[in-house]
C-alpha atoms as a PDB file:
ATOM      1  CA  MET A   1    -195.657-153.050 -33.836  1.00  0.00           C
ATOM      2  CA  ALA A   2    -196.842-152.458 -30.440  1.00  0.00           C
ATOM      3  CA  GLN A   3    -196.826-156.030 -29.417  1.00  0.00           C
ATOM      4  CA  VAL A   4    -193.029-156.121 -31.001  1.00  0.00           C
ATOM      5  CA  ILE A   5    -192.079-153.144 -28.799  1.00  0.00           C
ATOM      6  CA  ASN A   6    -193.938-154.447 -25.771  1.00  0.00           C
ATOM      7  CA  ASN A   7    -191.760-158.096 -25.916  1.00  0.00           C
ATOM      8  CA  LEU A   8    -188.220-156.662 -26.359  1.00  0.00           C
ATOM      9  CA  GLY A   9    -188.672-155.505 -22.893  1.00  0.00           C
ATOM     10  CA  SER A  10    -190.270-156.401 -19.576  1.00  0.00           C
ATOM     11  CA  ARG A  11    -191.444-154.437 -16.629  1.00  0.00           C
ATOM     12  CA  SER A  12    -191.252-155.293 -13.241  1.00  0.00           C
ATOM     13  CA  THR A  13    -193.710-153.512 -10.636  1.00  0.00           C
ATOM     14  CA  VAL A  14    -191.740-151.473  -7.872  1.00  0.00           C
ATOM     15  CA  ARG A  15    -193.277-151.718  -4.242  1.00  0.00           C
ATOM     16  CA  PRO A  16    -192.325-149.245  -1.636  1.00  0.00           C
ATOM     17  CA  ASN A  17    -191.062-150.951   1.506  1.00  0.00           C
ATOM     18  CA  GLY A  18    -190.965-149.943   5.062  1.00  0.00           C
ATOM     19  CA  ILE A  19    -193.115-146.813   4.600  1.00  0.00           C
ATOM     20  CA  ARG A  20    -195.535-145.732   7.674  1.00  0.00           C
ATOM     21  CA  GLY A  21    -198.413-143.463   7.965  1.00  0.00           C
ATOM     22  CA  ALA A  22    -201.423-142.571   5.862  1.00  0.00           C
ATOM     23  CA  ASN A  23    -199.271-139.390   4.227  1.00  0.00           C
ATOM     24  CA  SER A  24    -196.193-141.567   3.584  1.00  0.00           C
ATOM     25  CA  SER A  25    -197.866-144.252   2.015  1.00  0.00           C
ATOM     26  CA  TYR A  26    -199.761-141.867  -0.786  1.00  0.00           C
ATOM     27  CA  ILE A  27    -196.131-140.365  -1.296  1.00  0.00           C
ATOM     28  CA  GLY A  28    -194.468-143.944  -1.699  1.00  0.00           C
ATOM     29  CA  GLU A  29    -197.349-145.054  -3.907  1.00  0.00           C
ATOM     30  CA  GLY A  30    -196.863-141.792  -6.050  1.00  0.00           C
ATOM     31  CA  LEU A  31    -193.292-142.266  -6.321  1.00  0.00           C
ATOM     32  CA  VAL A  32    -193.863-145.982  -7.218  1.00  0.00           C
ATOM     33  CA  THR A  33    -196.235-144.831  -9.956  1.00  0.00           C
ATOM     34  CA  LEU A  34    -193.583-141.959 -11.226  1.00  0.00           C
ATOM     35  CA  PHE A  35    -190.457-144.333 -11.445  1.00  0.00           C
ATOM     36  CA  ASN A  36    -192.710-146.831 -13.297  1.00  0.00           C
ATOM     37  CA  ARG A  37    -193.777-144.605 -15.949  1.00  0.00           C
ATOM     38  CA  VAL A  38    -190.063-143.104 -16.463  1.00  0.00           C
ATOM     39  CA  HIS A  39    -189.026-146.852 -16.597  1.00  0.00           C
ATOM     40  CA  ASP A  40    -191.916-147.717 -19.066  1.00  0.00           C
ATOM     41  CA  TRP A  41    -190.813-144.482 -21.196  1.00  0.00           C
ATOM     42  CA  SER A  42    -186.976-145.623 -21.165  1.00  0.00           C
ATOM     43  CA  GLU A  43    -188.039-149.089 -22.176  1.00  0.00           C
ATOM     44  CA  ARG A  44    -190.114-147.819 -24.947  1.00  0.00           C
ATOM     45  CA  ARG A  45    -187.351-145.689 -26.422  1.00  0.00           C
ATOM     46  CA  ARG A  46    -184.795-148.469 -25.953  1.00  0.00           C
ATOM     47  CA  ALA A  47    -186.860-150.814 -28.046  1.00  0.00           C
ATOM     48  CA  ARG A  48    -187.819-147.815 -30.597  1.00  0.00           C
ATOM     49  CA  ASN A  49    -184.256-147.543 -30.810  1.00  0.00           C
ATOM     50  CA  HIS A  50    -183.421-151.062 -30.999  1.00  0.00           C
ATOM     51  CA  LEU A  51    -185.735-151.857 -34.008  1.00  0.00           C
ATOM     52  CA  TYR A  52    -184.445-148.911 -36.186  1.00  0.00           C
ATOM     53  CA  GLN A  53    -181.446-150.239 -36.209  1.00  0.00           C
ATOM     54  CA  MET A  54    -182.248-153.739 -37.294  1.00  0.00           C
ATOM     55  CA  PRO A  55    -181.274-154.455 -41.101  1.00  0.00           C
ATOM     56  CA  ASP A  56    -184.008-154.882 -43.345  1.00  0.00           C
ATOM     57  CA  TYR A  57    -183.827-158.440 -43.821  1.00  0.00           C
ATOM     58  CA  ILE A  58    -184.200-159.181 -39.722  1.00  0.00           C
ATOM     59  CA  LEU A  59    -186.919-157.228 -39.697  1.00  0.00           C
ATOM     60  CA  HIS A  60    -188.637-158.792 -42.745  1.00  0.00           C
ATOM     61  CA  ASP A  61    -188.061-162.036 -40.510  1.00  0.00           C
ATOM     62  CA  ILE A  62    -190.227-160.705 -37.661  1.00  0.00           C
ATOM     63  CA  GLY A  63    -192.973-159.452 -39.853  1.00  0.00           C
ATOM     64  CA  VAL A  64    -192.444-155.519 -39.312  1.00  0.00           C
ATOM     65  CA  SER A  65    -191.561-153.324 -42.541  1.00  0.00           C
ATOM     66  CA  ARG A  66    -189.242-150.357 -42.097  1.00  0.00           C
ATOM     67  CA  ALA A  67    -192.334-148.001 -42.902  1.00  0.00           C
ATOM     68  CA  GLU A  68    -193.769-148.877 -39.189  1.00  0.00           C
ATOM     69  CA  VAL A  69    -190.185-149.279 -37.524  1.00  0.00           C
ATOM     70  CA  GLU A  70    -189.944-145.337 -38.933  1.00  0.00           C
ATOM     71  CA  SER A  71    -193.424-144.497 -37.903  1.00  0.00           C
ATOM     72  CA  GLU A  72    -193.133-145.896 -34.479  1.00  0.00           C
ATOM     73  CA  TYR A  73    -189.522-144.231 -34.091  1.00  0.00           C
ATOM     74  CA  GLN A  74    -190.663-140.988 -34.908  1.00  0.00           C
ATOM     75  CA  LYS A  75    -193.274-141.284 -31.906  1.00  0.00           C
ATOM     76  CA  PRO A  76    -192.461-139.031 -29.084  1.00  0.00           C
ATOM     77  CA  PHE A  77    -191.162-141.468 -25.919  1.00  0.00           C
ATOM     78  CA  TRP A  78    -194.427-141.102 -23.726  1.00  0.00           C
ATOM     79  CA  GLN A  79    -196.507-142.212 -26.958  1.00  0.00           C
ATOM     80  CA  ALA A  80    -197.281-145.857 -26.795  1.00  0.00           C
END
């Protein structure tokens, strides 16, 4: 089930550009980490919604049961 969700969205890593100085670098890296985490959460929620809206015959074709989808859909967005 998790692999189905992971395959529905792809994530690209964002790197800070033009940041100078040690403190700025840490802040930039922290912001990039935060952005990537929020992006992951958004993609996870989108994928779960997409699966939830699929009809049963399509779920059967991809090898996922409605019960698995319901279980995955009920998870909070931050939980993988």
